[in-house]
């Protein structure tokens, strides 16, 4: 049998059902792989080996009886260390969190997967409270890109992306407050999906409020669809959660793109993009056109909303740090402390003005999608840069300039968006194409990503 760490979730479930593979065998193999690779890439902050094996044995017994719990019984999963997990600490990449306390609750997405029999391997690394677009922290150190260990995988769901790329588990829960799942997906060449806000319930509320989307990082679009089938359900703890729409994302996945009206914008009208990145994304868009989509090169027609995002981001950081004692605040990273200080200076009137501007942007995109089914852009304008930096130091994106202009607008608008691997630069670094759908059109985003994947299968690191 080929390397079982490469199997999709649906492959695993089929093999379990036919008694050709055991969840215990799979879990042991994945844990061995984590032990072999994690010291090089630092994808995990916690590996719960004992609990994972116990859950795998329970799953094996259920499959032998022909009584699986649900869609993902026995499938190994990981959870970003911003999401609560019962029995495992949620340290949020921070020395300010005390690990020795009761951990008695699962976040909604975690609960839904566990209810359906998933095997929790451990917690993946994040930047401190997810405050920056790379994955390093004073608590966990530096997480590295499997394509080049001297480069960042991006963040803040970098651990989840690295785990997905290397087969350190099958399904990986991340979060996305401004690009935190799509950024590392693009930098590591995996599929990253941010559903419509509220489609996957979130709890407890993030300090970034309604920018925060639980998301998925996986190797295939089908695995993302299966995960969404399992977790896209309301939870009474989330006031914003959408009702269950009854959608079967797997059953309807292979619909194709013929006749879809796609707007392709290489810059959103305001971003600079590395030529190699732009060329690879354009080639990918041409593939969709060959598959029958009607593609028009057009910008969506809004100015950079970065200042809107910064208002919410800084205010959220200020709110977060106000909840800590002086001793806790003292161990918070300087960059996050500085962001919080900026947030303390934001007036209520300025915050409300930013909220008005956000609503206007959302209305603008709703009108835009009356004409176009989808918007496609690069996920990022650059490829992965060196570890130990919070931003690149390139000619078009020097230190301090916002280097993720394509991702955060769609947190503001709460639209579904995916990063799809679409090739490699001459230096062998992955590039991502972003597919953005109208609000609530999660299935359409997944269908389009699947259509592209069918023609251009995603490539993972060989080791």
Protein backbone atom coordinates (compact mmCIF):
# COMPACT_ATOMS: atom_id res chain seq x y z
CA UNK A 1 0.00 0.00 0.00
CA UNK A 2 1.27 3.47 -0.85
CA UNK A 3 2.03 5.96 1.91
CA UNK A 4 -1.22 6.19 3.83
CA UNK A 5 -0.38 9.70 5.01
CA UNK A 6 -1.18 10.80 1.44
CA UNK A 7 -4.71 9.39 1.49
CA UNK A 8 -7.67 11.74 1.44
CA UNK A 9 -10.30 11.62 4.15
CA UNK A 10 -12.78 9.92 1.84
CA UNK A 11 -10.12 7.32 0.90
CA UNK A 12 -9.54 6.57 4.56
CA UNK A 13 -13.24 6.26 5.36
CA UNK A 14 -13.74 3.87 2.43
CA UNK A 15 -10.81 1.72 3.53
CA UNK A 16 -12.08 1.65 7.11
CA UNK A 17 -15.52 0.64 5.92
CA UNK A 18 -14.10 -2.26 3.91
CA UNK A 19 -11.82 -3.30 6.80
CA UNK A 20 -8.74 -2.81 4.61
CA UNK A 21 -7.17 -0.26 6.94
CA UNK A 22 -7.42 0.54 10.63
CA UNK A 23 -7.68 3.98 12.26
CA UNK A 24 -5.06 2.76 14.72
CA UNK A 25 -2.64 1.93 11.91
CA UNK A 26 -3.22 5.31 10.29
CA UNK A 27 -2.85 7.24 13.54
CA UNK A 28 0.38 5.44 14.47
CA UNK A 29 1.82 6.12 11.02
CA UNK A 30 0.92 9.82 11.15
CA UNK A 31 2.32 10.16 14.67
CA UNK A 32 5.58 8.58 13.47
CA UNK A 33 5.67 11.07 10.61
CA UNK A 34 5.09 13.97 13.00
CA UNK A 35 7.96 12.70 15.17
CA UNK A 36 10.21 12.55 12.11
CA UNK A 37 9.44 15.99 10.67
CA UNK A 38 8.15 18.32 13.35
CA UNK A 39 11.59 19.12 14.74
CA UNK A 40 12.49 20.54 11.32
CA UNK A 41 9.34 22.56 10.60
CA UNK A 42 7.76 23.22 14.03
CA UNK A 43 4.17 22.68 12.89
CA UNK A 44 2.89 21.50 16.28
CA UNK A 45 2.91 23.13 19.68
CA UNK A 46 1.25 20.08 21.28
CA UNK A 47 1.03 16.47 20.09
CA UNK A 48 -1.50 14.47 22.09
CA UNK A 49 -0.19 11.02 21.22
CA UNK A 50 -1.85 9.11 24.04
CA UNK A 51 -5.27 10.66 23.52
CA UNK A 52 -5.02 10.26 19.74
CA UNK A 53 -4.29 6.55 20.01
CA UNK A 54 -7.16 6.10 22.45
CA UNK A 55 -9.53 7.85 20.05
CA UNK A 56 -8.20 5.73 17.17
CA UNK A 57 -8.81 2.50 19.09
CA UNK A 58 -12.36 3.59 19.85
CA UNK A 59 -12.88 4.37 16.16
CA UNK A 60 -11.50 0.98 15.16
CA UNK A 61 -14.01 -0.74 17.43
CA UNK A 62 -16.86 1.23 15.89
CA UNK A 63 -15.81 0.33 12.34
CA UNK A 64 -15.47 -3.35 13.26
CA UNK A 65 -19.06 -3.22 14.53
CA UNK A 66 -20.19 -1.31 11.46
CA UNK A 67 -21.28 1.60 13.64
CA UNK A 68 -19.21 4.68 12.67
CA UNK A 69 -20.11 7.94 14.40
CA UNK A 70 -20.17 10.04 11.27
CA UNK A 71 -18.49 11.35 8.15
CA UNK A 72 -14.91 11.44 9.45
CA UNK A 73 -14.73 8.60 11.95
CA UNK A 74 -11.07 7.67 12.40
CA UNK A 75 -9.73 10.51 10.22
CA UNK A 76 -6.72 12.25 11.84
CA UNK A 77 -7.16 15.99 12.33
CA UNK A 78 -5.23 18.92 13.77
CA UNK A 79 -6.51 22.12 15.35
CA UNK A 80 -4.88 25.54 15.27
CA UNK A 81 -3.87 26.66 18.73
CA UNK A 82 -6.39 29.51 18.72
CA UNK A 83 -9.36 27.11 18.86
CA UNK A 84 -10.43 25.52 22.12
CA UNK A 85 -9.90 21.78 22.56
CA UNK A 86 -11.21 19.76 25.47
CA UNK A 87 -8.36 18.00 27.24
CA UNK A 88 -5.58 19.90 25.45
CA UNK A 89 -4.35 23.42 26.30
CA UNK A 90 -5.11 26.31 23.97
CA UNK A 91 -2.09 28.54 24.49
CA UNK A 92 -2.68 30.88 21.54
CA UNK A 93 1.05 31.13 20.90
CA UNK A 94 1.45 33.21 24.05
CA UNK A 95 3.40 33.04 27.27
CA UNK A 96 0.54 35.02 28.83
CA UNK A 97 -1.69 31.92 28.89
CA UNK A 98 -1.30 29.49 31.78
CA UNK A 99 -1.32 25.91 30.46
CA UNK A 100 -2.15 24.35 33.82
CA UNK A 101 -5.87 25.07 33.96
CA UNK A 102 -9.00 23.10 33.13
CA UNK A 103 -9.56 22.71 29.41
CA UNK A 104 -13.14 21.52 29.35
CA UNK A 105 -14.63 22.83 26.14
CA UNK A 106 -14.26 22.36 22.40
CA UNK A 107 -14.72 25.19 19.92
CA UNK A 108 -17.77 24.51 17.70
CA UNK A 109 -15.79 23.24 14.68
CA UNK A 110 -13.72 20.97 16.91
CA UNK A 111 -16.86 19.67 18.62
CA UNK A 112 -18.53 18.88 15.29
CA UNK A 113 -15.53 16.86 14.08
CA UNK A 114 -15.20 14.98 17.35
CA UNK A 115 -18.92 14.18 17.36
CA UNK A 116 -18.29 12.45 14.03
CA UNK A 117 -15.36 10.40 15.27
CA UNK A 118 -12.31 12.37 14.13
CA UNK A 119 -9.00 11.60 15.83
CA UNK A 120 -7.35 14.72 17.26
CA UNK A 121 -3.57 14.57 16.82
CA UNK A 122 -2.68 17.88 18.44
CA UNK A 123 -2.52 21.67 18.19
CA UNK A 124 -0.72 23.49 15.39
CA UNK A 125 1.40 26.58 15.80
CA UNK A 126 0.24 30.17 15.37
CA UNK A 127 1.62 33.63 15.87
CA UNK A 128 0.70 35.13 19.24
CA UNK A 129 -3.10 35.49 19.20
CA UNK A 130 -2.82 35.39 15.40
CA UNK A 131 -1.73 39.03 15.29
CA UNK A 132 0.67 38.80 12.32
CA UNK A 133 0.88 37.13 8.93
CA UNK A 134 3.79 34.83 9.78
CA UNK A 135 3.99 31.95 12.22
CA UNK A 136 6.48 32.50 14.99
CA UNK A 137 6.10 33.44 18.61
CA UNK A 138 8.14 33.79 21.76
CA UNK A 139 6.34 30.70 23.07
CA UNK A 140 6.80 28.28 20.16
CA UNK A 141 9.65 29.72 18.10
CA UNK A 142 9.74 29.75 14.30
CA UNK A 143 7.60 27.59 12.02
CA UNK A 144 9.26 26.86 8.67
CA UNK A 145 8.12 26.33 5.10
CA UNK A 146 8.53 22.71 3.89
CA UNK A 147 9.53 23.90 0.41
CA UNK A 148 12.47 25.86 1.86
CA UNK A 149 13.21 25.76 5.58
CA UNK A 150 14.74 29.24 5.49
CA UNK A 151 11.38 30.71 4.46
CA UNK A 152 8.18 31.38 6.37
CA UNK A 153 5.01 29.42 5.66
CA UNK A 154 3.06 32.60 6.36
CA UNK A 155 0.46 32.84 9.07
CA UNK A 156 -1.12 32.90 11.33
CA UNK A 157 -2.33 29.35 10.52
CA UNK A 158 1.18 28.41 9.41
CA UNK A 159 1.39 25.24 11.50
CA UNK A 160 -1.82 23.93 9.98
CA UNK A 161 -0.61 24.65 6.44
CA UNK A 162 2.74 22.94 7.03
CA UNK A 163 0.99 19.94 8.56
CA UNK A 164 -1.28 19.72 5.53
CA UNK A 165 1.61 19.99 3.08
CA UNK A 166 3.64 17.27 4.79
CA UNK A 167 0.79 14.86 5.49
CA UNK A 168 0.97 15.35 9.25
CA UNK A 169 -2.73 14.63 9.53
CA UNK A 170 -5.54 14.75 6.99
CA UNK A 171 -7.89 17.59 7.96
CA UNK A 172 -6.60 20.80 9.53
CA UNK A 173 -8.67 23.49 11.22
CA UNK A 174 -7.32 27.03 10.99
CA UNK A 175 -8.67 30.53 11.40
CA UNK A 176 -8.72 33.56 9.12
CA UNK A 177 -9.05 37.12 10.38
CA UNK A 178 -7.37 38.90 7.47
CA UNK A 179 -5.89 36.08 5.41
CA UNK A 180 -4.59 33.80 8.14
CA UNK A 181 -5.60 30.58 6.39
CA UNK A 182 -5.23 31.69 2.76
CA UNK A 183 -1.79 33.26 3.25
CA UNK A 184 -0.07 30.09 4.49
CA UNK A 185 -2.04 28.03 1.99
CA UNK A 186 -0.52 30.09 -0.82
CA UNK A 187 3.00 30.03 0.64
CA UNK A 188 2.97 26.25 1.16
CA UNK A 189 0.94 25.11 -1.85
CA UNK A 190 -2.08 23.65 -0.08
CA UNK A 191 -5.79 24.41 -0.38
CA UNK A 192 -7.07 26.95 2.11
CA UNK A 193 -10.73 27.84 2.49
CA UNK A 194 -12.40 30.65 4.44
CA UNK A 195 -16.17 30.09 4.46
CA UNK A 196 -18.78 32.81 4.59
CA UNK A 197 -18.78 34.42 8.02
CA UNK A 198 -21.09 32.45 10.29
CA UNK A 199 -21.19 29.36 8.08
CA UNK A 200 -18.87 27.69 10.59
CA UNK A 201 -19.74 28.72 14.12
CA UNK A 202 -17.04 30.40 16.17
CA UNK A 203 -16.68 30.50 19.94
CA UNK A 204 -15.41 32.12 22.04
CA UNK A 205 -15.61 35.40 20.15
CA UNK A 206 -12.25 36.51 18.79
CA UNK A 207 -10.77 39.85 19.76
CA UNK A 208 -11.04 40.76 16.06
CA UNK A 209 -14.79 40.23 16.25
CA UNK A 210 -16.63 39.64 12.99
CA UNK A 211 -13.42 39.51 10.95
CA UNK A 212 -12.76 36.04 12.35
CA UNK A 213 -13.62 32.97 10.26
CA UNK A 214 -12.82 29.37 11.25
CA UNK A 215 -11.37 27.75 8.15
CA UNK A 216 -9.83 24.64 6.64
CA UNK A 217 -6.40 23.79 5.23
CA UNK A 218 -6.14 20.51 3.31
CA UNK A 219 -4.49 18.82 0.34
CA UNK A 220 -7.60 18.47 -1.82
CA UNK A 221 -10.78 20.40 -2.47
CA UNK A 222 -12.81 17.26 -1.77
CA UNK A 223 -11.39 17.11 1.74
CA UNK A 224 -12.39 20.73 2.29
CA UNK A 225 -15.92 19.93 1.11
CA UNK A 226 -16.13 16.92 3.41
CA UNK A 227 -14.88 18.97 6.34
CA UNK A 228 -17.45 21.66 5.62
CA UNK A 229 -20.19 19.02 5.57
CA UNK A 230 -19.12 18.09 9.08
CA UNK A 231 -18.60 21.54 10.62
CA UNK A 232 -20.95 23.93 8.78
CA UNK A 233 -23.61 23.81 11.46
CA UNK A 234 -24.91 26.37 13.94
CA UNK A 235 -23.93 26.34 17.60
CA UNK A 236 -25.92 28.02 20.36
CA UNK A 237 -22.74 29.63 21.69
CA UNK A 238 -22.28 31.69 18.52
CA UNK A 239 -24.82 34.51 18.17
CA UNK A 240 -23.73 35.10 14.55
CA UNK A 241 -23.89 31.48 13.37
CA UNK A 242 -25.91 30.90 10.22
CA UNK A 243 -28.68 28.28 10.16
CA UNK A 244 -27.88 24.92 8.61
CA UNK A 245 -28.57 25.27 4.89
CA UNK A 246 -28.68 21.51 4.37
CA UNK A 247 -26.06 21.74 1.63
CA UNK A 248 -24.09 18.60 0.73
CA UNK A 249 -20.83 20.13 -0.42
CA UNK A 250 -19.36 16.79 -1.48
CA UNK A 251 -22.32 15.61 -3.55
CA UNK A 252 -22.47 18.82 -5.59
CA UNK A 253 -18.72 19.37 -5.87
CA UNK A 254 -18.09 18.27 -9.46
CA UNK A 255 -20.48 20.70 -11.12
CA UNK A 256 -17.87 22.40 -13.31
CA UNK A 257 -17.60 26.06 -14.31
CA UNK A 258 -19.24 26.21 -17.74
CA UNK A 259 -21.14 29.45 -18.11
CA UNK A 260 -19.93 31.04 -14.89
CA UNK A 261 -19.26 34.78 -15.11
CA UNK A 262 -15.80 35.34 -13.65
CA UNK A 263 -14.12 38.69 -13.05
CA UNK A 264 -10.34 38.42 -13.02
CA UNK A 265 -8.42 41.23 -11.34
CA UNK A 266 -4.64 40.95 -11.20
CA UNK A 267 -4.24 43.91 -8.83
CA UNK A 268 -7.68 44.84 -7.40
CA UNK A 269 -6.80 48.22 -8.88
CA UNK A 270 -4.23 49.12 -6.22
CA UNK A 271 -1.75 46.27 -5.56
CA UNK A 272 1.71 45.59 -6.97
CA UNK A 273 2.39 41.98 -7.95
CA UNK A 274 5.59 40.09 -8.72
CA UNK A 275 5.59 39.26 -12.46
CA UNK A 276 6.02 35.50 -11.96
CA UNK A 277 3.09 35.41 -9.56
CA UNK A 278 0.89 37.38 -11.93
CA UNK A 279 1.79 35.13 -14.86
CA UNK A 280 1.01 31.91 -12.98
CA UNK A 281 -2.35 33.19 -11.79
CA UNK A 282 -3.24 34.40 -15.29
CA UNK A 283 -2.42 30.95 -16.68
CA UNK A 284 -4.70 29.38 -14.07
CA UNK A 285 -7.53 31.75 -14.97
CA UNK A 286 -7.06 30.79 -18.62
CA UNK A 287 -7.62 27.16 -17.60
CA UNK A 288 -11.01 28.09 -16.17
CA UNK A 289 -11.85 29.90 -19.40
CA UNK A 290 -10.97 26.77 -21.37
CA UNK A 291 -13.33 24.84 -19.09
CA UNK A 292 -16.19 27.08 -20.19
CA UNK A 293 -16.19 30.00 -17.77
CA UNK A 294 -16.77 33.46 -19.20
CA UNK A 295 -13.80 35.47 -17.95
CA UNK A 296 -13.52 39.24 -18.05
CA UNK A 297 -10.48 41.13 -16.81
CA UNK A 298 -11.94 43.83 -14.59
CA UNK A 299 -11.22 45.40 -11.20
CA UNK A 300 -14.04 45.33 -8.64
CA UNK A 301 -13.85 49.09 -8.26
CA UNK A 302 -12.96 49.86 -4.68
CA UNK A 303 -9.96 51.60 -3.14
CA UNK A 304 -7.67 49.78 -0.74
CA UNK A 305 -9.63 49.19 2.48
CA UNK A 306 -6.46 48.69 4.52
CA UNK A 307 -7.17 51.61 6.83
CA UNK A 308 -10.57 50.13 7.62
CA UNK A 309 -8.96 46.83 8.54
CA UNK A 310 -6.29 48.54 10.64
CA UNK A 311 -8.92 50.31 12.70
CA UNK A 312 -10.62 47.04 13.61
CA UNK A 313 -7.33 45.19 14.04
CA UNK A 314 -5.82 47.80 16.38
CA UNK A 315 -9.02 48.18 18.38
CA UNK A 316 -9.21 44.41 18.74
CA UNK A 317 -5.64 44.25 20.02
CA UNK A 318 -6.40 46.97 22.58
CA UNK A 319 -9.46 45.06 23.76
CA UNK A 320 -7.44 41.86 24.06
CA UNK A 321 -4.65 43.33 26.15
CA UNK A 322 -7.06 45.14 28.46
CA UNK A 323 -8.28 41.71 29.58
CA UNK A 324 -4.82 40.80 30.89
CA UNK A 325 -3.02 41.56 34.12
CA UNK A 326 0.10 43.77 34.02
CA UNK A 327 2.19 40.62 34.47
CA UNK A 328 0.56 39.00 31.45
CA UNK A 329 0.91 42.11 29.30
CA UNK A 330 4.62 42.24 30.14
CA UNK A 331 5.28 38.97 28.29
CA UNK A 332 3.27 39.90 25.17
CA UNK A 333 5.35 40.49 22.02
CA UNK A 334 6.34 44.10 21.47
CA UNK A 335 4.65 44.29 18.08
CA UNK A 336 1.29 43.25 19.52
CA UNK A 337 1.73 45.65 22.43
CA UNK A 338 2.44 48.49 20.00
CA UNK A 339 -0.64 47.60 17.95
CA UNK A 340 -2.75 47.66 21.11
CA UNK A 341 -1.41 51.08 22.07
CA UNK A 342 -2.46 52.39 18.68
CA UNK A 343 -5.89 50.88 19.28
CA UNK A 344 -6.22 52.67 22.58
CA UNK A 345 -6.06 55.96 20.68
CA UNK A 346 -8.98 55.16 18.36
CA UNK A 347 -12.07 57.18 19.20
CA UNK A 348 -15.57 55.75 19.17
CA UNK A 349 -16.45 58.09 16.31
CA UNK A 350 -13.48 56.83 14.26
CA UNK A 351 -14.44 53.23 14.98
CA UNK A 352 -18.01 53.85 13.88
CA UNK A 353 -16.78 55.57 10.72
CA UNK A 354 -14.68 52.50 9.92
CA UNK A 355 -17.75 50.35 10.45
CA UNK A 356 -19.73 52.53 8.04
CA UNK A 357 -16.94 52.22 5.46
CA UNK A 358 -16.93 48.46 5.94
CA UNK A 359 -20.66 48.26 5.32
CA UNK A 360 -20.27 50.34 2.18
CA UNK A 361 -17.60 47.94 0.92
CA UNK A 362 -19.89 45.00 1.60
CA UNK A 363 -22.74 46.63 -0.32
CA UNK A 364 -20.37 47.41 -3.19
CA UNK A 365 -19.35 43.76 -3.48
CA UNK A 366 -22.95 42.57 -3.30
CA UNK A 367 -23.74 44.79 -6.30
CA UNK A 368 -20.58 43.58 -8.06
CA UNK A 369 -21.77 39.99 -7.74
CA UNK A 370 -25.01 40.86 -9.47
CA UNK A 371 -22.87 40.89 -12.61
CA UNK A 372 -20.12 38.41 -11.77
CA UNK A 373 -20.47 35.05 -10.07
CA UNK A 374 -16.88 35.03 -8.87
CA UNK A 375 -13.86 37.29 -8.48
CA UNK A 376 -10.40 35.83 -9.00
CA UNK A 377 -7.13 37.42 -7.87
CA UNK A 378 -3.70 36.30 -6.78
CA UNK A 379 -3.88 35.14 -3.17
CA UNK A 380 -0.69 37.07 -2.45
CA UNK A 381 1.44 39.35 -4.62
CA UNK A 382 4.68 37.64 -3.58
CA UNK A 383 6.12 34.25 -2.67
CA UNK A 384 7.34 33.20 0.75
CA UNK A 385 10.05 35.33 2.35
CA UNK A 386 12.66 34.67 5.02
CA UNK A 387 11.86 33.45 8.51
CA UNK A 388 12.33 35.84 11.41
CA UNK A 389 10.63 38.76 9.59
CA UNK A 390 7.11 40.08 10.02
CA UNK A 391 7.07 41.32 6.42
CA UNK A 392 9.19 40.90 3.28
CA UNK A 393 12.07 43.13 2.34
CA UNK A 394 11.61 43.24 -1.41
CA UNK A 395 11.65 46.05 -3.95
CA UNK A 396 7.85 46.16 -4.32
CA UNK A 397 7.04 45.29 -0.71
CA UNK A 398 9.70 46.82 1.53
CA UNK A 399 9.67 46.38 5.29
CA UNK A 400 6.50 47.76 6.83
CA UNK A 401 4.33 47.91 3.72
CA UNK A 402 1.12 45.89 3.70
CA UNK A 403 2.06 42.81 1.69
CA UNK A 404 -1.29 40.94 1.69
CA UNK A 405 -3.57 43.32 -0.22
CA UNK A 406 -5.80 40.61 -1.71
CA UNK A 407 -6.97 38.68 1.36
CA UNK A 408 -8.26 41.04 4.05
CA UNK A 409 -10.93 42.85 1.95
CA UNK A 410 -12.98 39.67 2.01
CA UNK A 411 -12.82 39.36 5.77
CA UNK A 412 -14.31 42.82 5.89
CA UNK A 413 -17.06 41.77 3.47
CA UNK A 414 -17.46 38.31 5.09
CA UNK A 415 -17.39 36.54 1.71
CA UNK A 416 -16.18 32.98 1.09
CA UNK A 417 -12.70 32.82 -0.39
CA UNK A 418 -10.19 30.09 -1.19
CA UNK A 419 -6.52 29.90 -2.04
CA UNK A 420 -5.89 27.35 -4.77
CA UNK A 421 -2.35 26.14 -5.58
CA UNK A 422 -1.66 27.19 -9.18
CA UNK A 423 2.00 26.45 -9.84
CA UNK A 424 5.56 27.22 -8.86
CA UNK A 425 8.07 29.95 -9.60
CA UNK A 426 11.44 29.20 -11.18
CA UNK A 427 12.79 29.02 -7.61
CA UNK A 428 10.36 26.23 -6.81
CA UNK A 429 8.04 28.25 -4.55
CA UNK A 430 4.26 27.78 -4.58
CA UNK A 431 1.82 30.43 -5.78
CA UNK A 432 -1.86 30.68 -4.92
CA UNK A 433 -4.90 31.82 -6.90
CA UNK A 434 -7.70 33.32 -4.81
CA UNK A 435 -11.32 32.53 -5.69
CA UNK A 436 -13.88 34.81 -4.05
CA UNK A 437 -17.60 34.16 -4.10
CA UNK A 438 -20.62 36.26 -3.21
CA UNK A 439 -21.74 35.93 0.38
CA UNK A 440 -23.24 32.47 1.06
CA UNK A 441 -21.88 31.06 -2.24
CA UNK A 442 -19.43 28.72 -0.52
CA UNK A 443 -20.35 25.81 -2.77
CA UNK A 444 -19.62 27.81 -5.92
CA UNK A 445 -16.12 28.63 -4.68
CA UNK A 446 -15.46 24.97 -3.92
CA UNK A 447 -16.87 23.82 -7.28
CA UNK A 448 -14.60 26.22 -9.15
CA UNK A 449 -11.56 25.19 -7.16
CA UNK A 450 -12.41 21.55 -7.82
CA UNK A 451 -12.78 22.16 -11.55
CA UNK A 452 -9.31 23.69 -11.64
CA UNK A 453 -7.80 20.97 -9.43
CA UNK A 454 -9.15 18.27 -11.75
CA UNK A 455 -7.14 19.72 -14.63
CA UNK A 456 -4.12 20.84 -12.60
CA UNK A 457 -3.71 18.53 -9.57
CA UNK A 458 -2.01 20.05 -6.57
CA UNK A 459 1.60 18.99 -5.87
CA UNK A 460 2.87 18.41 -2.34
CA UNK A 461 6.47 18.27 -1.05
CA UNK A 462 8.14 14.95 -1.77
CA UNK A 463 9.53 14.80 1.76
